[in-house]
Amino acid sequence: MTADQLEMISTNPGVMHGQAVIAGTRVPVSVILDCLAAGMTAEEITTEYPTVTVAGVRAAAAYGAALAREELLPLPQSR
């Protein structure tokens, strides 16, 4: 995750209960990640959430990837 991408993510206890959001918006990173997981393109996401830019979508994806490297979630064993 680049410094520029990191600057595009913010948290504030007064905005969305402190969830990580795209800076300058009330759109949580988790919503962007859900949209990506559902197969939406960055352009579709920015159409649905006009306050979010393509760079913001990429920053959210990078933030999610960084979190995945830092915290392990219990996953079922592969067979």
N, C-alpha and C. Protein backbone atom coordinates (compact mmCIF):
# COMPACT_ATOMS: atom_id res chain seq x y z
N MET A 1 0.86 -1.17 0.00
CA MET A 1 0.00 0.00 0.00
C MET A 1 0.90 1.23 0.00
N THR A 2 0.68 2.12 -0.94
CA THR A 2 1.50 3.32 -1.03
C THR A 2 1.03 4.38 -0.05
N ALA A 3 1.88 5.35 0.20
CA ALA A 3 1.51 6.46 1.09
C ALA A 3 0.33 7.22 0.52
N ASP A 4 0.29 7.40 -0.79
CA ASP A 4 -0.85 8.10 -1.41
C ASP A 4 -2.15 7.34 -1.19
N GLN A 5 -2.09 6.01 -1.31
CA GLN A 5 -3.29 5.20 -1.07
C GLN A 5 -3.70 5.28 0.39
N LEU A 6 -2.73 5.24 1.28
CA LEU A 6 -3.03 5.31 2.71
C LEU A 6 -3.73 6.61 3.06
N GLU A 7 -3.35 7.70 2.42
CA GLU A 7 -3.98 9.00 2.67
C GLU A 7 -5.43 9.03 2.22
N MET A 8 -5.82 8.10 1.35
CA MET A 8 -7.18 8.06 0.84
C MET A 8 -8.13 7.30 1.76
N ILE A 9 -7.59 6.72 2.83
CA ILE A 9 -8.39 5.99 3.81
C ILE A 9 -8.33 6.76 5.12
N SER A 10 -9.49 6.94 5.76
CA SER A 10 -9.47 7.67 7.04
C SER A 10 -10.42 7.01 8.03
N THR A 11 -10.18 7.30 9.28
CA THR A 11 -11.08 6.88 10.35
C THR A 11 -11.31 8.07 11.26
N ASN A 12 -12.52 8.17 11.75
CA ASN A 12 -12.90 9.24 12.65
C ASN A 12 -14.08 8.72 13.47
N PRO A 13 -13.98 8.76 14.79
CA PRO A 13 -15.08 8.24 15.61
C PRO A 13 -16.43 8.89 15.29
N GLY A 14 -16.41 10.10 14.75
CA GLY A 14 -17.64 10.80 14.43
C GLY A 14 -18.19 10.49 13.04
N VAL A 15 -17.48 9.70 12.27
CA VAL A 15 -17.91 9.35 10.92
C VAL A 15 -18.06 7.84 10.83
N MET A 16 -19.27 7.39 10.58
CA MET A 16 -19.55 5.96 10.42
C MET A 16 -19.00 5.13 11.60
N HIS A 17 -19.14 5.69 12.79
CA HIS A 17 -18.74 5.00 14.02
C HIS A 17 -17.28 4.58 14.02
N GLY A 18 -16.44 5.33 13.32
CA GLY A 18 -15.01 5.05 13.33
C GLY A 18 -14.56 4.00 12.32
N GLN A 19 -15.47 3.52 11.48
CA GLN A 19 -15.06 2.57 10.44
C GLN A 19 -14.10 3.24 9.47
N ALA A 20 -13.24 2.46 8.85
CA ALA A 20 -12.38 2.98 7.80
C ALA A 20 -13.26 3.35 6.61
N VAL A 21 -13.09 4.58 6.13
CA VAL A 21 -13.87 5.07 4.99
C VAL A 21 -12.92 5.65 3.94
N ILE A 22 -13.45 5.85 2.74
CA ILE A 22 -12.72 6.58 1.74
C ILE A 22 -12.69 8.03 2.21
N ALA A 23 -11.49 8.60 2.34
CA ALA A 23 -11.34 9.96 2.90
C ALA A 23 -12.24 10.94 2.16
N GLY A 24 -12.89 11.79 2.95
CA GLY A 24 -13.77 12.81 2.40
C GLY A 24 -15.16 12.32 2.05
N THR A 25 -15.44 11.04 2.36
CA THR A 25 -16.76 10.47 2.09
C THR A 25 -17.25 9.77 3.35
N ARG A 26 -18.46 9.25 3.25
CA ARG A 26 -18.99 8.40 4.31
C ARG A 26 -19.13 6.96 3.79
N VAL A 27 -18.35 6.62 2.77
CA VAL A 27 -18.42 5.29 2.17
C VAL A 27 -17.37 4.40 2.82
N PRO A 28 -17.81 3.39 3.58
CA PRO A 28 -16.85 2.50 4.25
C PRO A 28 -16.04 1.67 3.26
N VAL A 29 -14.81 1.42 3.62
CA VAL A 29 -13.94 0.54 2.83
C VAL A 29 -14.61 -0.82 2.67
N SER A 30 -15.28 -1.29 3.69
CA SER A 30 -15.92 -2.60 3.62
C SER A 30 -16.97 -2.66 2.52
N VAL A 31 -17.67 -1.57 2.27
CA VAL A 31 -18.67 -1.53 1.21
C VAL A 31 -17.98 -1.66 -0.15
N ILE A 32 -16.86 -0.96 -0.32
CA ILE A 32 -16.11 -1.06 -1.57
C ILE A 32 -15.61 -2.49 -1.77
N LEU A 33 -15.08 -3.09 -0.71
CA LEU A 33 -14.59 -4.47 -0.82
C LEU A 33 -15.73 -5.44 -1.13
N ASP A 34 -16.90 -5.22 -0.53
CA ASP A 34 -18.06 -6.06 -0.84
C ASP A 34 -18.43 -5.94 -2.32
N CYS A 35 -18.39 -4.72 -2.83
CA CYS A 35 -18.71 -4.50 -4.25
C CYS A 35 -17.71 -5.22 -5.15
N LEU A 36 -16.44 -5.11 -4.82
CA LEU A 36 -15.41 -5.81 -5.61
C LEU A 36 -15.62 -7.32 -5.55
N ALA A 37 -15.92 -7.82 -4.36
CA ALA A 37 -16.14 -9.26 -4.19
C ALA A 37 -17.35 -9.73 -4.98
N ALA A 38 -18.32 -8.84 -5.17
CA ALA A 38 -19.52 -9.18 -5.94
C ALA A 38 -19.28 -9.09 -7.45
N GLY A 39 -18.07 -8.68 -7.83
CA GLY A 39 -17.74 -8.64 -9.25
C GLY A 39 -17.91 -7.30 -9.92
N MET A 40 -18.22 -6.26 -9.15
CA MET A 40 -18.38 -4.93 -9.74
C MET A 40 -17.02 -4.39 -10.15
N THR A 41 -17.00 -3.63 -11.23
CA THR A 41 -15.77 -2.97 -11.66
C THR A 41 -15.64 -1.65 -10.91
N ALA A 42 -14.44 -1.09 -10.97
CA ALA A 42 -14.22 0.20 -10.32
C ALA A 42 -15.16 1.26 -10.90
N GLU A 43 -15.39 1.21 -12.20
CA GLU A 43 -16.28 2.17 -12.84
C GLU A 43 -17.72 2.01 -12.36
N GLU A 44 -18.17 0.76 -12.18
CA GLU A 44 -19.52 0.53 -11.66
C GLU A 44 -19.65 1.04 -10.24
N ILE A 45 -18.60 0.84 -9.45
CA ILE A 45 -18.62 1.30 -8.06
C ILE A 45 -18.69 2.82 -8.01
N THR A 46 -17.90 3.49 -8.85
CA THR A 46 -17.91 4.96 -8.83
C THR A 46 -19.22 5.52 -9.36
N THR A 47 -19.91 4.77 -10.19
CA THR A 47 -21.24 5.19 -10.64
C THR A 47 -22.23 5.07 -9.49
N GLU A 48 -22.13 3.97 -8.76
CA GLU A 48 -23.03 3.72 -7.62
C GLU A 48 -22.74 4.68 -6.46
N TYR A 49 -21.47 5.02 -6.26
CA TYR A 49 -21.04 5.89 -5.17
C TYR A 49 -20.24 7.05 -5.78
N PRO A 50 -20.92 8.09 -6.26
CA PRO A 50 -20.25 9.17 -7.00
C PRO A 50 -19.17 9.93 -6.23
N THR A 51 -19.18 9.85 -4.91
CA THR A 51 -18.14 10.54 -4.14
C THR A 51 -16.83 9.75 -4.10
N VAL A 52 -16.86 8.53 -4.61
CA VAL A 52 -15.67 7.67 -4.61
C VAL A 52 -15.04 7.71 -6.00
N THR A 53 -13.73 7.81 -6.05
CA THR A 53 -12.99 7.80 -7.31
C THR A 53 -12.43 6.40 -7.57
N VAL A 54 -11.97 6.18 -8.78
CA VAL A 54 -11.31 4.92 -9.10
C VAL A 54 -10.08 4.74 -8.21
N ALA A 55 -9.35 5.82 -7.97
CA ALA A 55 -8.20 5.75 -7.06
C ALA A 55 -8.64 5.36 -5.66
N GLY A 56 -9.80 5.81 -5.23
CA GLY A 56 -10.33 5.43 -3.93
C GLY A 56 -10.66 3.95 -3.86
N VAL A 57 -11.21 3.42 -4.95
CA VAL A 57 -11.50 1.98 -5.02
C VAL A 57 -10.21 1.19 -4.91
N ARG A 58 -9.19 1.63 -5.63
CA ARG A 58 -7.90 0.93 -5.57
C ARG A 58 -7.28 1.04 -4.18
N ALA A 59 -7.44 2.19 -3.54
CA ALA A 59 -6.92 2.37 -2.18
C ALA A 59 -7.64 1.42 -1.21
N ALA A 60 -8.95 1.28 -1.38
CA ALA A 60 -9.71 0.36 -0.52
C ALA A 60 -9.24 -1.07 -0.72
N ALA A 61 -8.99 -1.46 -1.97
CA ALA A 61 -8.51 -2.82 -2.25
C ALA A 61 -7.13 -3.03 -1.62
N ALA A 62 -6.27 -2.04 -1.73
CA ALA A 62 -4.93 -2.15 -1.14
C ALA A 62 -5.02 -2.23 0.38
N TYR A 63 -5.92 -1.45 0.97
CA TYR A 63 -6.11 -1.47 2.43
C TYR A 63 -6.59 -2.85 2.87
N GLY A 64 -7.56 -3.41 2.14
CA GLY A 64 -8.05 -4.75 2.45
C GLY A 64 -6.96 -5.80 2.33
N ALA A 65 -6.13 -5.67 1.31
CA ALA A 65 -5.03 -6.62 1.14
C ALA A 65 -4.03 -6.51 2.28
N ALA A 66 -3.75 -5.27 2.70
CA ALA A 66 -2.82 -5.07 3.82
C ALA A 66 -3.38 -5.68 5.10
N LEU A 67 -4.67 -5.51 5.32
CA LEU A 67 -5.28 -6.11 6.52
C LEU A 67 -5.24 -7.62 6.46
N ALA A 68 -5.43 -8.19 5.29
CA ALA A 68 -5.41 -9.65 5.15
C ALA A 68 -4.03 -10.21 5.49
N ARG A 69 -3.00 -9.44 5.22
CA ARG A 69 -1.65 -9.89 5.56
C ARG A 69 -1.38 -9.78 7.05
N GLU A 70 -2.08 -8.89 7.73
CA GLU A 70 -1.82 -8.62 9.14
C GLU A 70 -2.64 -9.48 10.10
N GLU A 71 -3.82 -9.85 9.71
CA GLU A 71 -4.71 -10.55 10.64
C GLU A 71 -5.27 -11.80 9.98
N LEU A 72 -5.11 -12.91 10.62
CA LEU A 72 -5.63 -14.16 10.10
C LEU A 72 -7.05 -14.39 10.61
N LEU A 73 -7.92 -14.78 9.73
CA LEU A 73 -9.27 -15.14 10.11
C LEU A 73 -9.35 -16.66 10.11
N PRO A 74 -10.10 -17.24 11.05
CA PRO A 74 -10.23 -18.70 11.05
C PRO A 74 -10.97 -19.16 9.79
N LEU A 75 -10.31 -19.97 9.00
CA LEU A 75 -10.90 -20.49 7.77
C LEU A 75 -11.01 -22.00 7.87
N PRO A 76 -12.02 -22.58 7.20
CA PRO A 76 -12.13 -24.04 7.24
C PRO A 76 -10.93 -24.68 6.55
N GLN A 77 -10.57 -25.86 7.00
CA GLN A 77 -9.45 -26.60 6.41
C GLN A 77 -9.81 -27.02 5.00
N SER A 78 -8.84 -26.94 4.10
CA SER A 78 -9.04 -27.44 2.75
C SER A 78 -8.94 -28.95 2.77
N ARG A 79 -9.69 -29.58 1.89
CA ARG A 79 -9.62 -31.06 1.83
C ARG A 79 -8.88 -31.49 0.63
